[in-house]
PDB file of N, CA and C in Angstrom:
ATOM      1  N   ILE A   1      -6.646 -18.317   3.848  1.00  0.00           N
ATOM      2  CA  ILE A   1      -6.758 -18.286   5.293  1.00  0.00           C
ATOM      3  C   ILE A   1      -6.450 -16.890   5.825  1.00  0.00           C
ATOM      4  N   LEU A   2      -5.354 -16.266   5.356  1.00  0.00           N
ATOM      5  CA  LEU A   2      -4.983 -14.948   5.884  1.00  0.00           C
ATOM      6  C   LEU A   2      -6.010 -13.866   5.580  1.00  0.00           C
ATOM      7  N   PRO A   3      -6.549 -13.786   4.359  1.00  0.00           N
ATOM      8  CA  PRO A   3      -7.580 -12.768   4.136  1.00  0.00           C
ATOM      9  C   PRO A   3      -8.755 -12.900   5.105  1.00  0.00           C
ATOM     10  N   SER A   4      -9.158 -14.123   5.406  1.00  0.00           N
ATOM     11  CA  SER A   4     -10.256 -14.346   6.357  1.00  0.00           C
ATOM     12  C   SER A   4      -9.865 -13.884   7.754  1.00  0.00           C
ATOM     13  N   LEU A   5      -8.624 -14.135   8.137  1.00  0.00           N
ATOM     14  CA  LEU A   5      -8.145 -13.700   9.446  1.00  0.00           C
ATOM     15  C   LEU A   5      -8.195 -12.181   9.555  1.00  0.00           C
ATOM     16  N   PHE A   6      -7.692 -11.490   8.540  1.00  0.00           N
ATOM     17  CA  PHE A   6      -7.693 -10.030   8.583  1.00  0.00           C
ATOM     18  C   PHE A   6      -9.114  -9.474   8.524  1.00  0.00           C
ATOM     19  N   ASP A   7      -9.987 -10.118   7.762  1.00  0.00           N
ATOM     20  CA  ASP A   7     -11.386  -9.685   7.708  1.00  0.00           C
ATOM     21  C   ASP A   7     -12.055  -9.803   9.068  1.00  0.00           C
ATOM     22  N   SER A   8     -11.656 -10.787   9.859  1.00  0.00           N
ATOM     23  CA  SER A   8     -12.288 -10.974  11.165  1.00  0.00           C
ATOM     24  C   SER A   8     -11.638 -10.150  12.272  1.00  0.00           C
ATOM     25  N   THR A   9     -10.392  -9.714  12.084  1.00  0.00           N
ATOM     26  CA  THR A   9      -9.712  -8.962  13.145  1.00  0.00           C
ATOM     27  C   THR A   9      -9.702  -7.455  12.928  1.00  0.00           C
ATOM     28  N   ILE A  10      -9.939  -7.004  11.711  1.00  0.00           N
ATOM     29  CA  ILE A  10      -9.987  -5.568  11.416  1.00  0.00           C
ATOM     30  C   ILE A  10     -11.429  -5.221  11.078  1.00  0.00           C
ATOM     31  N   SER A  11     -12.019  -4.342  11.866  1.00  0.00           N
ATOM     32  CA  SER A  11     -13.423  -3.980  11.635  1.00  0.00           C
ATOM     33  C   SER A  11     -13.563  -3.155  10.358  1.00  0.00           C
ATOM     34  N   ASP A  12     -14.769  -3.144   9.823  1.00  0.00           N
ATOM     35  CA  ASP A  12     -15.031  -2.337   8.628  1.00  0.00           C
ATOM     36  C   ASP A  12     -14.778  -0.859   8.909  1.00  0.00           C
ATOM     37  N   LEU A  13     -15.167  -0.400  10.104  1.00  0.00           N
ATOM     38  CA  LEU A  13     -14.960   1.004  10.467  1.00  0.00           C
ATOM     39  C   LEU A  13     -13.466   1.329  10.533  1.00  0.00           C
ATOM     40  N   GLU A  14     -12.695   0.477  11.203  1.00  0.00           N
ATOM     41  CA  GLU A  14     -11.246   0.702  11.292  1.00  0.00           C
ATOM     42  C   GLU A  14     -10.623   0.719   9.896  1.00  0.00           C
ATOM     43  N   PHE A  15     -11.027  -0.216   9.052  1.00  0.00           N
ATOM     44  CA  PHE A  15     -10.496  -0.280   7.692  1.00  0.00           C
ATOM     45  C   PHE A  15     -10.811   0.997   6.920  1.00  0.00           C
ATOM     46  N   THR A  16     -12.056   1.431   6.976  1.00  0.00           N
ATOM     47  CA  THR A  16     -12.474   2.628   6.246  1.00  0.00           C
ATOM     48  C   THR A  16     -11.712   3.860   6.722  1.00  0.00           C
ATOM     49  N   GLU A  17     -11.571   4.006   8.037  1.00  0.00           N
ATOM     50  CA  GLU A  17     -10.872   5.164   8.594  1.00  0.00           C
ATOM     51  C   GLU A  17      -9.388   5.163   8.228  1.00  0.00           C
ATOM     52  N   LYS A  18      -8.742   4.016   8.371  1.00  0.00           N
ATOM     53  CA  LYS A  18      -7.308   3.951   8.078  1.00  0.00           C
ATOM     54  C   LYS A  18      -7.032   4.055   6.580  1.00  0.00           C
ATOM     55  N   LYS A  19      -7.913   3.496   5.775  1.00  0.00           N
ATOM     56  CA  LYS A  19      -7.764   3.598   4.321  1.00  0.00           C
ATOM     57  C   LYS A  19      -7.766   5.070   3.904  1.00  0.00           C
ATOM     58  N   ALA A  20      -8.712   5.842   4.447  1.00  0.00           N
ATOM     59  CA  ALA A  20      -8.796   7.271   4.138  1.00  0.00           C
ATOM     60  C   ALA A  20      -7.586   8.026   4.695  1.00  0.00           C
ATOM     61  N   LYS A  21      -7.167   7.681   5.909  1.00  0.00           N
ATOM     62  CA  LYS A  21      -6.021   8.340   6.544  1.00  0.00           C
ATOM     63  C   LYS A  21      -4.748   8.144   5.719  1.00  0.00           C
ATOM     64  N   TYR A  22      -4.469   6.910   5.312  1.00  0.00           N
ATOM     65  CA  TYR A  22      -3.237   6.646   4.574  1.00  0.00           C
ATOM     66  C   TYR A  22      -3.273   7.229   3.167  1.00  0.00           C
ATOM     67  N   LEU A  23      -4.441   7.310   2.582  1.00  0.00           N
ATOM     68  CA  LEU A  23      -4.544   7.965   1.280  1.00  0.00           C
ATOM     69  C   LEU A  23      -4.255   9.455   1.428  1.00  0.00           C
ATOM     70  N   ASP A  24      -4.829  10.075   2.456  1.00  0.00           N
ATOM     71  CA  ASP A  24      -4.653  11.506   2.685  1.00  0.00           C
ATOM     72  C   ASP A  24      -3.226  11.847   3.127  1.00  0.00           C
ATOM     73  N   GLU A  25      -2.713  11.130   4.117  1.00  0.00           N
ATOM     74  CA  GLU A  25      -1.412  11.464   4.699  1.00  0.00           C
ATOM     75  C   GLU A  25      -0.224  10.929   3.901  1.00  0.00           C
ATOM     76  N   ASP A  26      -0.328   9.689   3.432  1.00  0.00           N
ATOM     77  CA  ASP A  26       0.816   9.030   2.795  1.00  0.00           C
ATOM     78  C   ASP A  26       0.681   8.922   1.279  1.00  0.00           C
ATOM     79  N   LYS A  27      -0.505   9.241   0.764  1.00  0.00           N
ATOM     80  CA  LYS A  27      -0.791   9.101  -0.676  1.00  0.00           C
ATOM     81  C   LYS A  27      -0.655   7.643  -1.135  1.00  0.00           C
ATOM     82  N   VAL A  28      -1.095   6.718  -0.262  1.00  0.00           N
ATOM     83  CA  VAL A  28      -1.035   5.285  -0.546  1.00  0.00           C
ATOM     84  C   VAL A  28      -2.454   4.733  -0.611  1.00  0.00           C
ATOM     85  N   VAL A  29      -2.754   4.003  -1.676  1.00  0.00           N
ATOM     86  CA  VAL A  29      -4.058   3.363  -1.855  1.00  0.00           C
ATOM     87  C   VAL A  29      -4.025   2.012  -1.145  1.00  0.00           C
ATOM     88  N   ILE A  30      -4.918   1.830  -0.178  1.00  0.00           N
ATOM     89  CA  ILE A  30      -5.041   0.558   0.536  1.00  0.00           C
ATOM     90  C   ILE A  30      -6.198  -0.203  -0.089  1.00  0.00           C
ATOM     91  N   ARG A  31      -5.930  -1.430  -0.554  1.00  0.00           N
ATOM     92  CA  ARG A  31      -6.921  -2.179  -1.326  1.00  0.00           C
ATOM     93  C   ARG A  31      -7.760  -3.155  -0.510  1.00  0.00           C
ATOM     94  N   SER A  32      -7.259  -3.628   0.610  1.00  0.00           N
ATOM     95  CA  SER A  32      -7.981  -4.641   1.384  1.00  0.00           C
ATOM     96  C   SER A  32      -7.504  -4.602   2.833  1.00  0.00           C
ATOM     97  N   LYS A  33      -8.192  -5.334   3.685  1.00  0.00           N
ATOM     98  CA  LYS A  33      -7.772  -5.405   5.085  1.00  0.00           C
ATOM     99  C   LYS A  33      -6.417  -6.094   5.210  1.00  0.00           C
ATOM    100  N   GLU A  34      -6.181  -7.090   4.380  1.00  0.00           N
ATOM    101  CA  GLU A  34      -4.881  -7.757   4.382  1.00  0.00           C
ATOM    102  C   GLU A  34      -3.785  -6.766   3.969  1.00  0.00           C
ATOM    103  N   HIS A  35      -4.051  -5.983   2.936  1.00  0.00           N
ATOM    104  CA  HIS A  35      -3.084  -4.981   2.488  1.00  0.00           C
ATOM    105  C   HIS A  35      -2.841  -3.952   3.587  1.00  0.00           C
ATOM    106  N   LEU A  36      -3.891  -3.553   4.305  1.00  0.00           N
ATOM    107  CA  LEU A  36      -3.754  -2.612   5.420  1.00  0.00           C
ATOM    108  C   LEU A  36      -2.788  -3.161   6.464  1.00  0.00           C
ATOM    109  N   PHE A  37      -2.969  -4.412   6.835  1.00  0.00           N
ATOM    110  CA  PHE A  37      -2.095  -5.027   7.835  1.00  0.00           C
ATOM    111  C   PHE A  37      -0.635  -4.962   7.387  1.00  0.00           C
ATOM    112  N   TYR A  38      -0.373  -5.414   6.171  1.00  0.00           N
ATOM    113  CA  TYR A  38       1.004  -5.438   5.673  1.00  0.00           C
ATOM    114  C   TYR A  38       1.563  -4.026   5.489  1.00  0.00           C
ATOM    115  N   TYR A  39       0.726  -3.079   5.072  1.00  0.00           N
ATOM    116  CA  TYR A  39       1.202  -1.704   4.916  1.00  0.00           C
ATOM    117  C   TYR A  39       1.628  -1.132   6.261  1.00  0.00           C
ATOM    118  N   GLU A  40       0.859  -1.402   7.304  1.00  0.00           N
ATOM    119  CA  GLU A  40       1.218  -0.861   8.616  1.00  0.00           C
ATOM    120  C   GLU A  40       2.534  -1.454   9.120  1.00  0.00           C
ATOM    121  N   VAL A  41       2.797  -2.711   8.832  1.00  0.00           N
ATOM    122  CA  VAL A  41       4.087  -3.309   9.193  1.00  0.00           C
ATOM    123  C   VAL A  41       5.200  -2.625   8.392  1.00  0.00           C
ATOM    124  N   PHE A  42       5.010  -2.496   7.083  1.00  0.00           N
ATOM    125  CA  PHE A  42       5.995  -1.840   6.220  1.00  0.00           C
ATOM    126  C   PHE A  42       6.264  -0.422   6.711  1.00  0.00           C
ATOM    127  N   ARG A  43       5.197   0.322   6.976  1.00  0.00           N
ATOM    128  CA  ARG A  43       5.314   1.722   7.394  1.00  0.00           C
ATOM    129  C   ARG A  43       6.086   1.845   8.710  1.00  0.00           C
ATOM    130  N   SER A  44       5.837   0.943   9.654  1.00  0.00           N
ATOM    131  CA  SER A  44       6.519   1.030  10.948  1.00  0.00           C
ATOM    132  C   SER A  44       7.993   0.639  10.851  1.00  0.00           C
ATOM    133  N   GLU A  45       8.331  -0.242   9.918  1.00  0.00           N
ATOM    134  CA  GLU A  45       9.711  -0.709   9.792  1.00  0.00           C
ATOM    135  C   GLU A  45      10.537   0.090   8.784  1.00  0.00           C
ATOM    136  N   VAL A  46       9.904   0.524   7.690  1.00  0.00           N
ATOM    137  CA  VAL A  46      10.631   1.171   6.596  1.00  0.00           C
ATOM    138  C   VAL A  46      10.262   2.646   6.451  1.00  0.00           C
ATOM    139  N   GLY A  47       9.014   2.965   6.746  1.00  0.00           N
ATOM    140  CA  GLY A  47       8.520   4.329   6.576  1.00  0.00           C
ATOM    141  C   GLY A  47       7.557   4.409   5.406  1.00  0.00           C
ATOM    142  N   VAL A  48       7.128   5.603   5.113  1.00  0.00           N
ATOM    143  CA  VAL A  48       6.189   5.837   4.019  1.00  0.00           C
ATOM    144  C   VAL A  48       6.933   5.659   2.697  1.00  0.00           C
ATOM    145  N   PRO A  49       6.361   4.891   1.765  1.00  0.00           N
ATOM    146  CA  PRO A  49       7.039   4.708   0.483  1.00  0.00           C
ATOM    147  C   PRO A  49       7.121   6.019  -0.300  1.00  0.00           C
ATOM    148  N   PHE A  50       8.188   6.166  -1.063  1.00  0.00           N
ATOM    149  CA  PHE A  50       8.358   7.368  -1.878  1.00  0.00           C
ATOM    150  C   PHE A  50       9.267   7.040  -3.056  1.00  0.00           C
ATOM    151  N   ALA A  51       9.238   7.891  -4.049  1.00  0.00           N
ATOM    152  CA  ALA A  51      10.098   7.717  -5.221  1.00  0.00           C
ATOM    153  C   ALA A  51      11.493   8.226  -4.888  1.00  0.00           C
ATOM    154  N   ARG A  52      12.460   7.364  -4.975  1.00  0.00           N
ATOM    155  CA  ARG A  52      13.851   7.768  -4.722  1.00  0.00           C
ATOM    156  C   ARG A  52      14.412   8.565  -5.895  1.00  0.00           C
ATOM    157  N   ASP A  53      13.835   8.355  -7.066  1.00  0.00           N
ATOM    158  CA  ASP A  53      14.270   9.069  -8.271  1.00  0.00           C
ATOM    159  C   ASP A  53      13.026   9.512  -9.030  1.00  0.00           C
ATOM    160  N   SER A  54      12.754  10.806  -9.011  1.00  0.00           N
ATOM    161  CA  SER A  54      11.530  11.327  -9.629  1.00  0.00           C
ATOM    162  C   SER A  54      11.534  11.221 -11.151  1.00  0.00           C
ATOM    163  N   ASP A  55      12.684  10.929 -11.737  1.00  0.00           N
ATOM    164  CA  ASP A  55      12.756  10.772 -13.192  1.00  0.00           C
ATOM    165  C   ASP A  55      12.363   9.366 -13.654  1.00  0.00           C
ATOM    166  N   LEU A  56      12.283   8.426 -12.718  1.00  0.00           N
ATOM    167  CA  LEU A  56      11.929   7.053 -13.064  1.00  0.00           C
ATOM    168  C   LEU A  56      10.430   6.821 -12.891  1.00  0.00           C
ATOM    169  N   LYS A  57       9.953   5.736 -13.449  1.00  0.00           N
ATOM    170  CA  LYS A  57       8.547   5.349 -13.352  1.00  0.00           C
ATOM    171  C   LYS A  57       8.164   5.137 -11.886  1.00  0.00           C
ATOM    172  N   THR A  58       6.952   5.568 -11.523  1.00  0.00           N
ATOM    173  CA  THR A  58       6.472   5.380 -10.154  1.00  0.00           C
ATOM    174  C   THR A  58       5.149   4.632 -10.136  1.00  0.00           C
ATOM    175  N   CYS A  59       4.894   3.980  -9.023  1.00  0.00           N
ATOM    176  CA  CYS A  59       3.645   3.254  -8.821  1.00  0.00           C
ATOM    177  C   CYS A  59       2.517   4.251  -8.574  1.00  0.00           C
ATOM    178  N   PRO A  60       1.385   4.107  -9.249  1.00  0.00           N
ATOM    179  CA  PRO A  60       0.267   5.021  -9.026  1.00  0.00           C
ATOM    180  C   PRO A  60      -0.416   4.819  -7.671  1.00  0.00           C
ATOM    181  N   ASP A  61      -0.189   3.669  -7.019  1.00  0.00           N
ATOM    182  CA  ASP A  61      -0.859   3.387  -5.747  1.00  0.00           C
ATOM    183  C   ASP A  61      -0.048   3.761  -4.516  1.00  0.00           C
ATOM    184  N   CYS A  62       1.305   3.756  -4.629  1.00  0.00           N
ATOM    185  CA  CYS A  62       2.103   4.067  -3.441  1.00  0.00           C
ATOM    186  C   CYS A  62       3.210   5.087  -3.683  1.00  0.00           C
ATOM    187  N   GLY A  63       3.519   5.386  -4.931  1.00  0.00           N
ATOM    188  CA  GLY A  63       4.526   6.394  -5.236  1.00  0.00           C
ATOM    189  C   GLY A  63       5.957   5.899  -5.277  1.00  0.00           C
ATOM    190  N   SER A  64       6.191   4.622  -5.004  1.00  0.00           N
ATOM    191  CA  SER A  64       7.549   4.071  -5.069  1.00  0.00           C
ATOM    192  C   SER A  64       7.996   3.938  -6.513  1.00  0.00           C
ATOM    193  N   ASN A  65       9.300   3.950  -6.709  1.00  0.00           N
ATOM    194  CA  ASN A  65       9.826   3.670  -8.045  1.00  0.00           C
ATOM    195  C   ASN A  65       9.599   2.208  -8.399  1.00  0.00           C
ATOM    196  N   VAL A  66       9.328   1.974  -9.666  1.00  0.00           N
ATOM    197  CA  VAL A  66       9.221   0.613 -10.195  1.00  0.00           C
ATOM    198  C   VAL A  66      10.109   0.527 -11.430  1.00  0.00           C
ATOM    199  N   LYS A  67      10.597  -0.662 -11.692  1.00  0.00           N
ATOM    200  CA  LYS A  67      11.463  -0.846 -12.855  1.00  0.00           C
ATOM    201  C   LYS A  67      10.682  -0.607 -14.133  1.00  0.00           C
ATOM    202  N   GLU A  68      11.350  -0.030 -15.112  1.00  0.00           N
ATOM    203  CA  GLU A  68      10.744   0.180 -16.425  1.00  0.00           C
ATOM    204  C   GLU A  68      10.313  -1.172 -16.978  1.00  0.00           C
ATOM    205  N   GLY A  69       9.100  -1.239 -17.472  1.00  0.00           N
ATOM    206  CA  GLY A  69       8.575  -2.479 -18.028  1.00  0.00           C
ATOM    207  C   GLY A  69       7.909  -3.385 -17.007  1.00  0.00           C
ATOM    208  N   ALA A  70       7.990  -3.029 -15.720  1.00  0.00           N
ATOM    209  CA  ALA A  70       7.354  -3.854 -14.685  1.00  0.00           C
ATOM    210  C   ALA A  70       5.839  -3.753 -14.802  1.00  0.00           C
ATOM    211  N   SER A  71       5.163  -4.841 -14.495  1.00  0.00           N
ATOM    212  CA  SER A  71       3.701  -4.834 -14.555  1.00  0.00           C
ATOM    213  C   SER A  71       3.070  -4.783 -13.171  1.00  0.00           C
ATOM    214  N   PHE A  72       3.912  -4.888 -12.107  1.00  0.00           N
ATOM    215  CA  PHE A  72       3.400  -4.769 -10.746  1.00  0.00           C
ATOM    216  C   PHE A  72       4.423  -4.051  -9.876  1.00  0.00           C
ATOM    217  N   CYS A  73       3.946  -3.523  -8.754  1.00  0.00           N
ATOM    218  CA  CYS A  73       4.810  -2.800  -7.815  1.00  0.00           C
ATOM    219  C   CYS A  73       5.340  -3.777  -6.768  1.00  0.00           C
ATOM    220  N   ARG A  74       6.654  -3.827  -6.614  1.00  0.00           N
ATOM    221  CA  ARG A  74       7.254  -4.717  -5.616  1.00  0.00           C
ATOM    222  C   ARG A  74       7.068  -4.183  -4.203  1.00  0.00           C
ATOM    223  N   THR A  75       6.741  -2.910  -4.051  1.00  0.00           N
ATOM    224  CA  THR A  75       6.548  -2.342  -2.724  1.00  0.00           C
ATOM    225  C   THR A  75       5.147  -2.616  -2.198  1.00  0.00           C
ATOM    226  N   CYS A  76       4.119  -2.303  -2.987  1.00  0.00           N
ATOM    227  CA  CYS A  76       2.743  -2.441  -2.487  1.00  0.00           C
ATOM    228  C   CYS A  76       1.941  -3.546  -3.164  1.00  0.00           C
ATOM    229  N   GLY A  77       2.480  -4.116  -4.224  1.00  0.00           N
ATOM    230  CA  GLY A  77       1.784  -5.202  -4.901  1.00  0.00           C
ATOM    231  C   GLY A  77       0.759  -4.775  -5.926  1.00  0.00           C
ATOM    232  N   ALA A  78       0.642  -3.485  -6.192  1.00  0.00           N
ATOM    233  CA  ALA A  78      -0.347  -3.007  -7.167  1.00  0.00           C
ATOM    234  C   ALA A  78      -0.126  -3.682  -8.514  1.00  0.00           C
ATOM    235  N   TYR A  79      -1.233  -4.103  -9.120  1.00  0.00           N
ATOM    236  CA  TYR A  79      -1.186  -4.767 -10.428  1.00  0.00           C
ATOM    237  C   TYR A  79      -2.506  -4.536 -11.130  1.00  0.00           C
ATOM    238  N   PRO A  80      -2.505  -4.205 -12.376  1.00  0.00           N
ATOM    239  CA  PRO A  80      -1.365  -3.823 -13.213  1.00  0.00           C
ATOM    240  C   PRO A  80      -1.011  -2.361 -12.993  1.00  0.00           C
ATOM    241  N   ILE A  81       0.206  -2.031 -13.331  1.00  0.00           N
ATOM    242  CA  ILE A  81       0.625  -0.626 -13.247  1.00  0.00           C
ATOM    243  C   ILE A  81       1.103  -0.164 -14.602  1.00  0.00           C
TER     244      ILE A  81
END
């Protein structure tokens, strides 16, 4: 139900523009309109994701640290990593 809601409320143009903007400015890969919605909430409440420790493993899609051996990112949901 939610993916359909986001598909109907976020235009293709808005999605394309914001996807490119967040990749360029925040270095975050946006995968879908639903992901865009949740990322914008996260960004407004928490800020742009980043690696708190550059020596630890990071997510290739958002740059946050992930636990060693993890197969998905708890910040952005990227799978597999």
